Amino acid sequence: MTIRKSESGFTLVEVMVALTIVAFSLTAVAASMNQMIDAANVMRDRTYASWIAQNKIVELRLANQTPDVSSSSGEVDFAGGEWSWRAVVSETGIESFYRVDVSVSHAGSEYIIRTVTGFIGDPVPAGRANQIWNLGSRSSGATS
């Protein structure tokens, strides 16, 4: 009389191999997600740094004064963080036209996240810039 034993299920070796494959897969997914989070943080910082630099250039333009050829720096609270900026005003070779380079980094860090360049001319009376555009349209024969 022979007794047949029904064999079903997985062996211990098969279960261990499956768990090893799952562990490697989850590690790869976690590393990929970490890389995506780091990239998102870098893009956020670059965007904020660009906004801060553009704000500094606009502040210089709105001062409505001829800028001094020099450099200035400071710190600003922005988006819940401390940021350092450095603005360098230089001549362009064109009279009354200046170049402004604003570099932004995290406060206390030497690593520059973003540098934005802008240009500033001599100040003009309010509304004068629009008059120049209107004169150009009249001389070309266009009617308003």
N, C-alpha and C. Protein backbone atom coordinates (compact mmCIF):
# COMPACT_ATOMS: atom_id res chain seq x y z
N MET A 1 0.83 -1.15 0.00
CA MET A 1 0.00 0.00 0.00
C MET A 1 0.90 1.25 0.00
N THR A 2 0.71 2.05 -1.02
CA THR A 2 1.49 3.26 -1.17
C THR A 2 0.63 4.47 -0.84
N ILE A 3 1.19 5.34 -0.01
CA ILE A 3 0.47 6.56 0.36
C ILE A 3 1.06 7.70 -0.48
N ARG A 4 0.19 8.38 -1.17
CA ARG A 4 0.65 9.51 -1.97
C ARG A 4 0.46 10.79 -1.18
N LYS A 5 1.47 11.51 -1.16
CA LYS A 5 1.45 12.78 -0.44
C LYS A 5 1.24 13.88 -1.47
N SER A 6 0.27 14.70 -1.26
CA SER A 6 -0.02 15.80 -2.19
C SER A 6 0.96 16.92 -1.93
N GLU A 7 1.65 17.36 -2.98
CA GLU A 7 2.62 18.45 -2.84
C GLU A 7 2.02 19.71 -3.42
N SER A 8 1.89 20.72 -2.61
CA SER A 8 1.41 22.00 -3.08
C SER A 8 2.11 23.10 -2.29
N GLY A 9 2.16 24.34 -2.91
CA GLY A 9 2.81 25.45 -2.22
C GLY A 9 4.20 25.68 -2.75
N PHE A 10 4.89 26.62 -2.14
CA PHE A 10 6.23 27.01 -2.57
C PHE A 10 7.25 26.50 -1.56
N THR A 11 8.42 26.27 -2.07
CA THR A 11 9.50 25.87 -1.17
C THR A 11 10.08 27.12 -0.52
N LEU A 12 10.81 26.94 0.50
CA LEU A 12 11.44 28.05 1.20
C LEU A 12 12.39 28.82 0.28
N VAL A 13 13.11 28.12 -0.57
CA VAL A 13 14.04 28.76 -1.49
C VAL A 13 13.28 29.66 -2.46
N GLU A 14 12.15 29.20 -3.00
CA GLU A 14 11.36 30.01 -3.92
C GLU A 14 10.83 31.28 -3.24
N VAL A 15 10.40 31.16 -2.03
CA VAL A 15 9.90 32.32 -1.28
C VAL A 15 11.03 33.32 -1.04
N MET A 16 12.21 32.83 -0.68
CA MET A 16 13.35 33.71 -0.42
C MET A 16 13.78 34.45 -1.71
N VAL A 17 13.78 33.77 -2.84
CA VAL A 17 14.13 34.39 -4.12
C VAL A 17 13.11 35.48 -4.46
N ALA A 18 11.83 35.20 -4.29
CA ALA A 18 10.78 36.18 -4.58
C ALA A 18 10.93 37.42 -3.68
N LEU A 19 11.19 37.20 -2.40
CA LEU A 19 11.37 38.32 -1.48
C LEU A 19 12.61 39.15 -1.83
N THR A 20 13.65 38.51 -2.28
CA THR A 20 14.86 39.23 -2.69
C THR A 20 14.56 40.10 -3.90
N ILE A 21 13.83 39.58 -4.87
CA ILE A 21 13.46 40.36 -6.06
C ILE A 21 12.60 41.56 -5.67
N VAL A 22 11.64 41.35 -4.78
CA VAL A 22 10.78 42.44 -4.32
C VAL A 22 11.61 43.50 -3.58
N ALA A 23 12.54 43.08 -2.76
CA ALA A 23 13.37 44.02 -2.01
C ALA A 23 14.21 44.87 -2.95
N PHE A 24 14.82 44.28 -3.97
CA PHE A 24 15.59 45.05 -4.94
C PHE A 24 14.70 46.02 -5.71
N SER A 25 13.51 45.57 -6.07
CA SER A 25 12.59 46.43 -6.81
C SER A 25 12.17 47.64 -5.97
N LEU A 26 11.84 47.41 -4.71
CA LEU A 26 11.43 48.50 -3.84
C LEU A 26 12.58 49.48 -3.58
N THR A 27 13.78 48.96 -3.49
CA THR A 27 14.94 49.83 -3.32
C THR A 27 15.13 50.72 -4.54
N ALA A 28 14.96 50.15 -5.72
CA ALA A 28 15.09 50.94 -6.95
C ALA A 28 14.00 52.00 -7.04
N VAL A 29 12.78 51.66 -6.67
CA VAL A 29 11.68 52.62 -6.69
C VAL A 29 11.94 53.74 -5.68
N ALA A 30 12.40 53.41 -4.49
CA ALA A 30 12.68 54.42 -3.48
C ALA A 30 13.81 55.35 -3.94
N ALA A 31 14.85 54.80 -4.55
CA ALA A 31 15.95 55.63 -5.05
C ALA A 31 15.46 56.56 -6.16
N SER A 32 14.62 56.06 -7.02
CA SER A 32 14.07 56.88 -8.11
C SER A 32 13.20 58.01 -7.56
N MET A 33 12.39 57.71 -6.58
CA MET A 33 11.55 58.75 -5.98
C MET A 33 12.40 59.79 -5.26
N ASN A 34 13.44 59.36 -4.59
CA ASN A 34 14.35 60.30 -3.92
C ASN A 34 15.01 61.23 -4.93
N GLN A 35 15.40 60.68 -6.07
CA GLN A 35 16.02 61.48 -7.13
C GLN A 35 15.02 62.49 -7.69
N MET A 36 13.77 62.11 -7.86
CA MET A 36 12.75 63.03 -8.35
C MET A 36 12.46 64.14 -7.35
N ILE A 37 12.45 63.82 -6.06
CA ILE A 37 12.23 64.82 -5.02
C ILE A 37 13.39 65.82 -5.00
N ASP A 38 14.62 65.33 -5.13
CA ASP A 38 15.78 66.22 -5.17
C ASP A 38 15.71 67.15 -6.38
N ALA A 39 15.32 66.62 -7.53
CA ALA A 39 15.21 67.44 -8.73
C ALA A 39 14.13 68.50 -8.56
N ALA A 40 13.03 68.14 -7.94
CA ALA A 40 11.95 69.12 -7.70
C ALA A 40 12.42 70.22 -6.75
N ASN A 41 13.18 69.87 -5.72
CA ASN A 41 13.70 70.87 -4.79
C ASN A 41 14.69 71.81 -5.48
N VAL A 42 15.53 71.27 -6.35
CA VAL A 42 16.48 72.11 -7.09
C VAL A 42 15.73 73.07 -8.00
N MET A 43 14.72 72.58 -8.70
CA MET A 43 13.93 73.45 -9.59
C MET A 43 13.20 74.53 -8.80
N ARG A 44 12.68 74.17 -7.62
CA ARG A 44 12.01 75.16 -6.77
C ARG A 44 12.98 76.24 -6.35
N ASP A 45 14.18 75.84 -5.91
CA ASP A 45 15.19 76.82 -5.49
C ASP A 45 15.62 77.72 -6.66
N ARG A 46 15.77 77.15 -7.83
CA ARG A 46 16.15 77.96 -8.99
C ARG A 46 15.06 78.97 -9.34
N THR A 47 13.82 78.53 -9.24
CA THR A 47 12.70 79.43 -9.54
C THR A 47 12.66 80.57 -8.53
N TYR A 48 12.76 80.25 -7.24
CA TYR A 48 12.75 81.29 -6.21
C TYR A 48 13.92 82.25 -6.39
N ALA A 49 15.12 81.71 -6.68
CA ALA A 49 16.30 82.56 -6.87
C ALA A 49 16.11 83.48 -8.07
N SER A 50 15.50 82.98 -9.12
CA SER A 50 15.23 83.81 -10.29
C SER A 50 14.27 84.93 -9.94
N TRP A 51 13.24 84.63 -9.20
CA TRP A 51 12.28 85.67 -8.79
C TRP A 51 12.93 86.73 -7.91
N ILE A 52 13.77 86.30 -6.99
CA ILE A 52 14.45 87.26 -6.11
C ILE A 52 15.35 88.18 -6.94
N ALA A 53 16.11 87.61 -7.87
CA ALA A 53 17.01 88.41 -8.70
C ALA A 53 16.21 89.39 -9.57
N GLN A 54 15.12 88.92 -10.16
CA GLN A 54 14.30 89.80 -10.99
C GLN A 54 13.69 90.92 -10.14
N ASN A 55 13.29 90.61 -8.91
CA ASN A 55 12.76 91.64 -8.02
C ASN A 55 13.80 92.71 -7.73
N LYS A 56 15.06 92.32 -7.53
CA LYS A 56 16.12 93.30 -7.25
C LYS A 56 16.36 94.20 -8.46
N ILE A 57 16.32 93.64 -9.66
CA ILE A 57 16.50 94.45 -10.86
C ILE A 57 15.34 95.44 -10.99
N VAL A 58 14.14 94.98 -10.74
CA VAL A 58 12.97 95.87 -10.81
C VAL A 58 13.06 96.97 -9.75
N GLU A 59 13.53 96.64 -8.55
CA GLU A 59 13.69 97.66 -7.52
C GLU A 59 14.67 98.75 -7.97
N LEU A 60 15.76 98.35 -8.63
CA LEU A 60 16.72 99.34 -9.14
C LEU A 60 16.08 100.20 -10.22
N ARG A 61 15.28 99.61 -11.08
CA ARG A 61 14.61 100.38 -12.13
C ARG A 61 13.59 101.34 -11.53
N LEU A 62 12.83 100.87 -10.54
CA LEU A 62 11.78 101.70 -9.94
C LEU A 62 12.34 102.82 -9.07
N ALA A 63 13.60 102.73 -8.67
CA ALA A 63 14.20 103.81 -7.89
C ALA A 63 14.28 105.09 -8.73
N ASN A 64 14.20 104.95 -10.04
CA ASN A 64 14.20 106.07 -10.97
C ASN A 64 15.42 106.99 -10.77
N GLN A 65 16.56 106.33 -10.56
CA GLN A 65 17.83 107.05 -10.40
C GLN A 65 18.87 106.37 -11.28
N THR A 66 19.84 107.15 -11.69
CA THR A 66 20.96 106.56 -12.43
C THR A 66 21.75 105.69 -11.45
N PRO A 67 21.92 104.40 -11.75
CA PRO A 67 22.63 103.54 -10.80
C PRO A 67 24.12 103.84 -10.77
N ASP A 68 24.73 103.65 -9.62
CA ASP A 68 26.18 103.79 -9.48
C ASP A 68 26.83 102.50 -9.97
N VAL A 69 27.95 102.63 -10.65
CA VAL A 69 28.71 101.45 -11.06
C VAL A 69 29.39 100.91 -9.81
N SER A 70 28.81 99.88 -9.25
CA SER A 70 29.30 99.33 -7.99
C SER A 70 28.65 97.97 -7.76
N SER A 71 28.84 97.45 -6.58
CA SER A 71 28.15 96.22 -6.21
C SER A 71 27.51 96.40 -4.85
N SER A 72 26.44 95.68 -4.65
CA SER A 72 25.75 95.71 -3.36
C SER A 72 25.26 94.30 -3.06
N SER A 73 24.96 94.05 -1.81
CA SER A 73 24.47 92.72 -1.43
C SER A 73 23.55 92.85 -0.23
N GLY A 74 22.85 91.79 0.03
CA GLY A 74 21.95 91.78 1.16
C GLY A 74 21.29 90.43 1.32
N GLU A 75 20.39 90.37 2.26
CA GLU A 75 19.65 89.14 2.52
C GLU A 75 18.17 89.45 2.49
N VAL A 76 17.40 88.43 2.15
CA VAL A 76 15.95 88.61 2.06
C VAL A 76 15.27 87.33 2.52
N ASP A 77 14.14 87.48 3.19
CA ASP A 77 13.28 86.34 3.53
C ASP A 77 12.34 86.14 2.36
N PHE A 78 12.31 84.95 1.80
CA PHE A 78 11.45 84.69 0.66
C PHE A 78 11.01 83.23 0.70
N ALA A 79 9.72 83.01 0.61
CA ALA A 79 9.14 81.67 0.56
C ALA A 79 9.58 80.81 1.74
N GLY A 80 9.63 81.41 2.90
CA GLY A 80 9.97 80.66 4.10
C GLY A 80 11.45 80.34 4.25
N GLY A 81 12.30 80.98 3.47
CA GLY A 81 13.73 80.71 3.56
C GLY A 81 14.54 81.99 3.56
N GLU A 82 15.79 81.88 3.97
CA GLU A 82 16.73 83.01 3.97
C GLU A 82 17.58 82.91 2.72
N TRP A 83 17.66 84.01 1.97
CA TRP A 83 18.41 84.06 0.72
C TRP A 83 19.39 85.23 0.75
N SER A 84 20.52 85.07 0.10
CA SER A 84 21.50 86.14 -0.06
C SER A 84 21.53 86.54 -1.53
N TRP A 85 21.68 87.83 -1.79
CA TRP A 85 21.79 88.30 -3.16
C TRP A 85 22.96 89.26 -3.27
N ARG A 86 23.50 89.36 -4.47
CA ARG A 86 24.60 90.29 -4.76
C ARG A 86 24.34 90.88 -6.14
N ALA A 87 24.25 92.21 -6.20
CA ALA A 87 24.00 92.91 -7.45
C ALA A 87 25.26 93.67 -7.87
N VAL A 88 25.66 93.50 -9.11
CA VAL A 88 26.83 94.18 -9.66
C VAL A 88 26.35 95.02 -10.84
N VAL A 89 26.51 96.34 -10.71
CA VAL A 89 26.15 97.27 -11.78
C VAL A 89 27.43 97.63 -12.53
N SER A 90 27.40 97.47 -13.85
CA SER A 90 28.57 97.80 -14.66
C SER A 90 28.16 98.57 -15.90
N GLU A 91 29.14 99.23 -16.50
CA GLU A 91 28.87 99.98 -17.72
C GLU A 91 28.79 99.03 -18.90
N THR A 92 28.05 99.44 -19.93
CA THR A 92 27.89 98.60 -21.11
C THR A 92 28.68 99.11 -22.30
N GLY A 93 29.20 100.32 -22.22
CA GLY A 93 29.85 100.93 -23.36
C GLY A 93 28.90 101.85 -24.11
N ILE A 94 27.64 101.82 -23.73
CA ILE A 94 26.64 102.72 -24.30
C ILE A 94 26.33 103.76 -23.22
N GLU A 95 26.36 105.01 -23.60
CA GLU A 95 26.14 106.07 -22.63
C GLU A 95 24.77 105.93 -21.98
N SER A 96 24.72 106.08 -20.67
CA SER A 96 23.49 106.06 -19.88
C SER A 96 22.76 104.72 -19.95
N PHE A 97 23.51 103.63 -20.13
CA PHE A 97 22.91 102.29 -20.21
C PHE A 97 23.79 101.36 -19.40
N TYR A 98 23.21 100.73 -18.38
CA TYR A 98 23.98 99.95 -17.42
C TYR A 98 23.51 98.50 -17.39
N ARG A 99 24.46 97.62 -17.12
CA ARG A 99 24.17 96.19 -16.97
C ARG A 99 24.12 95.87 -15.48
N VAL A 100 23.12 95.06 -15.09
CA VAL A 100 22.99 94.64 -13.69
C VAL A 100 22.97 93.12 -13.65
N ASP A 101 23.92 92.52 -12.93
CA ASP A 101 23.97 91.08 -12.72
C ASP A 101 23.64 90.81 -11.27
N VAL A 102 22.56 90.07 -11.02
CA VAL A 102 22.15 89.75 -9.65
C VAL A 102 22.31 88.25 -9.45
N SER A 103 23.14 87.87 -8.49
CA SER A 103 23.37 86.47 -8.14
C SER A 103 22.67 86.17 -6.82
N VAL A 104 22.06 84.99 -6.74
CA VAL A 104 21.29 84.62 -5.54
C VAL A 104 21.76 83.26 -5.04
N SER A 105 21.90 83.15 -3.72
CA SER A 105 22.26 81.88 -3.08
C SER A 105 21.50 81.76 -1.77
N HIS A 106 21.58 80.59 -1.17
CA HIS A 106 21.01 80.43 0.16
C HIS A 106 21.88 81.22 1.14
N ALA A 107 21.26 81.79 2.16
CA ALA A 107 22.01 82.56 3.16
C ALA A 107 23.08 81.66 3.80
N GLY A 108 24.28 82.16 3.87
CA GLY A 108 25.38 81.41 4.48
C GLY A 108 26.06 80.45 3.54
N SER A 109 25.64 80.40 2.28
CA SER A 109 26.23 79.48 1.32
C SER A 109 26.95 80.28 0.24
N GLU A 110 28.04 79.76 -0.27
CA GLU A 110 28.78 80.41 -1.35
C GLU A 110 28.29 79.93 -2.72
N TYR A 111 27.51 78.87 -2.76
CA TYR A 111 27.03 78.30 -4.02
C TYR A 111 25.94 79.19 -4.62
N ILE A 112 26.19 79.73 -5.80
CA ILE A 112 25.23 80.61 -6.48
C ILE A 112 24.21 79.74 -7.21
N ILE A 113 22.96 79.91 -6.85
CA ILE A 113 21.89 79.12 -7.45
C ILE A 113 21.50 79.67 -8.81
N ARG A 114 21.40 80.99 -8.91
CA ARG A 114 20.95 81.61 -10.16
C ARG A 114 21.54 83.01 -10.29
N THR A 115 21.91 83.38 -11.50
CA THR A 115 22.33 84.74 -11.81
C THR A 115 21.43 85.26 -12.93
N VAL A 116 20.86 86.43 -12.72
CA VAL A 116 19.98 87.05 -13.71
C VAL A 116 20.60 88.38 -14.12
N THR A 117 20.57 88.65 -15.41
CA THR A 117 21.12 89.89 -15.95
C THR A 117 19.99 90.77 -16.46
N GLY A 118 20.08 92.06 -16.13
CA GLY A 118 19.11 93.03 -16.62
C GLY A 118 19.84 94.30 -17.03
N PHE A 119 19.12 95.20 -17.65
CA PHE A 119 19.71 96.45 -18.12
C PHE A 119 18.86 97.62 -17.64
N ILE A 120 19.53 98.71 -17.28
CA ILE A 120 18.86 99.90 -16.77
C ILE A 120 19.41 101.12 -17.51
N GLY A 121 18.51 101.98 -17.94
CA GLY A 121 18.92 103.23 -18.58
C GLY A 121 18.72 104.38 -17.62
N ASP A 122 19.08 105.56 -18.09
CA ASP A 122 18.85 106.75 -17.28
C ASP A 122 17.36 106.91 -17.02
N PRO A 123 17.00 107.43 -15.87
CA PRO A 123 15.57 107.61 -15.57
C PRO A 123 14.96 108.66 -16.49
N VAL A 124 13.68 108.47 -16.76
CA VAL A 124 12.93 109.43 -17.57
C VAL A 124 11.69 109.84 -16.78
N PRO A 125 11.13 111.00 -17.08
CA PRO A 125 9.91 111.41 -16.39
C PRO A 125 8.79 110.40 -16.62
N ALA A 126 7.90 110.31 -15.67
CA ALA A 126 6.79 109.36 -15.78
C ALA A 126 6.00 109.60 -17.05
N GLY A 127 5.70 108.53 -17.79
CA GLY A 127 4.93 108.61 -19.01
C GLY A 127 5.75 108.90 -20.24
N ARG A 128 7.00 109.28 -20.09
CA ARG A 128 7.85 109.65 -21.24
C ARG A 128 8.12 108.45 -22.14
N ALA A 129 8.31 107.28 -21.59
CA ALA A 129 8.59 106.10 -22.40
C ALA A 129 7.44 105.80 -23.34
N ASN A 130 6.21 105.98 -22.89
CA ASN A 130 5.06 105.72 -23.74
C ASN A 130 4.96 106.74 -24.87
N GLN A 131 5.39 107.98 -24.62
CA GLN A 131 5.36 109.00 -25.67
C GLN A 131 6.29 108.62 -26.81
N ILE A 132 7.41 108.03 -26.50
CA ILE A 132 8.36 107.61 -27.53
C ILE A 132 7.71 106.57 -28.43
N TRP A 133 6.98 105.62 -27.86
CA TRP A 133 6.31 104.61 -28.68
C TRP A 133 5.24 105.25 -29.57
N ASN A 134 4.51 106.20 -29.02
CA ASN A 134 3.48 106.86 -29.80
C ASN A 134 4.07 107.66 -30.95
N LEU A 135 5.21 108.28 -30.74
CA LEU A 135 5.87 109.04 -31.81
C LEU A 135 6.26 108.09 -32.94
N GLY A 136 6.73 106.92 -32.61
CA GLY A 136 7.14 105.94 -33.63
C GLY A 136 5.96 105.50 -34.49
N SER A 137 4.79 105.36 -33.94
CA SER A 137 3.64 104.92 -34.72
C SER A 137 3.13 106.03 -35.63
N ARG A 138 3.28 107.29 -35.23
CA ARG A 138 2.86 108.42 -36.07
C ARG A 138 3.77 108.59 -37.26
N SER A 139 5.06 108.37 -37.06
CA SER A 139 6.00 108.58 -38.16
C SER A 139 5.88 107.50 -39.22
N SER A 140 5.33 106.34 -38.87
CA SER A 140 5.19 105.27 -39.86
C SER A 140 3.88 105.36 -40.62
N GLY A 141 3.05 106.36 -40.33
CA GLY A 141 1.82 106.54 -41.05
C GLY A 141 0.63 105.85 -40.41
N ALA A 142 0.83 105.18 -39.28
CA ALA A 142 -0.27 104.49 -38.61
C ALA A 142 -1.14 105.51 -37.89
N THR A 143 -2.41 105.24 -37.80
CA THR A 143 -3.33 106.13 -37.08
C THR A 143 -3.84 105.44 -35.86
N SER A 144 -4.17 106.24 -34.85
CA SER A 144 -4.66 105.65 -33.63
C SER A 144 -6.16 105.73 -33.56
